[in-house]
Amino acid sequence: ADNYAATRYPIILVHGLTGTDR
């Protein structure tokens, strides 16, 4: 299952939009 990638992409996108790189 690509659950890891599926949950990884949105997180990166949100962090990029918010400008947070935690």
C-alpha atoms as a PDB file:
ATOM      1  CA  ALA A   1       0.000   0.000   0.000  1.00  0.00           C
ATOM      2  CA  ASP A   2       1.192   3.517  -0.818  1.00  0.00           C
ATOM      3  CA  ASN A   3      -0.236   4.918   2.380  1.00  0.00           C
ATOM      4  CA  TYR A   4       3.129   6.491   3.194  1.00  0.00           C
ATOM      5  CA  ALA A   5       3.373   8.403  -0.066  1.00  0.00           C
ATOM      6  CA  ALA A   6      -0.329   9.234   0.017  1.00  0.00           C
ATOM      7  CA  THR A   7       0.051  10.896   3.404  1.00  0.00           C
ATOM      8  CA  ARG A   8       3.478  12.336   2.608  1.00  0.00           C
ATOM      9  CA  TYR A   9       2.505  14.397  -0.441  1.00  0.00           C
ATOM     10  CA  PRO A  10      -0.299  16.455   1.178  1.00  0.00           C
ATOM     11  CA  ILE A  11       1.914  17.156   4.182  1.00  0.00           C
ATOM     12  CA  ILE A  12       4.695  18.509   1.971  1.00  0.00           C
ATOM     13  CA  LEU A  13       2.209  20.607   0.009  1.00  0.00           C
ATOM     14  CA  VAL A  14       0.662  22.087   3.145  1.00  0.00           C
ATOM     15  CA  HIS A  15       4.066  22.831   4.658  1.00  0.00           C
ATOM     16  CA  GLY A  16       5.130  24.501   1.431  1.00  0.00           C
ATOM     17  CA  LEU A  17       2.020  26.674   1.359  1.00  0.00           C
ATOM     18  CA  THR A  18       2.254  27.635   5.023  1.00  0.00           C
ATOM     19  CA  GLY A  19       6.015  28.096   4.779  1.00  0.00           C
ATOM     20  CA  THR A  20       6.630  25.651   7.626  1.00  0.00           C
ATOM     21  CA  ASP A  21       9.470  23.173   7.285  1.00  0.00           C
ATOM     22  CA  ARG A  22       9.254  21.264  10.536  1.00  0.00           C
END
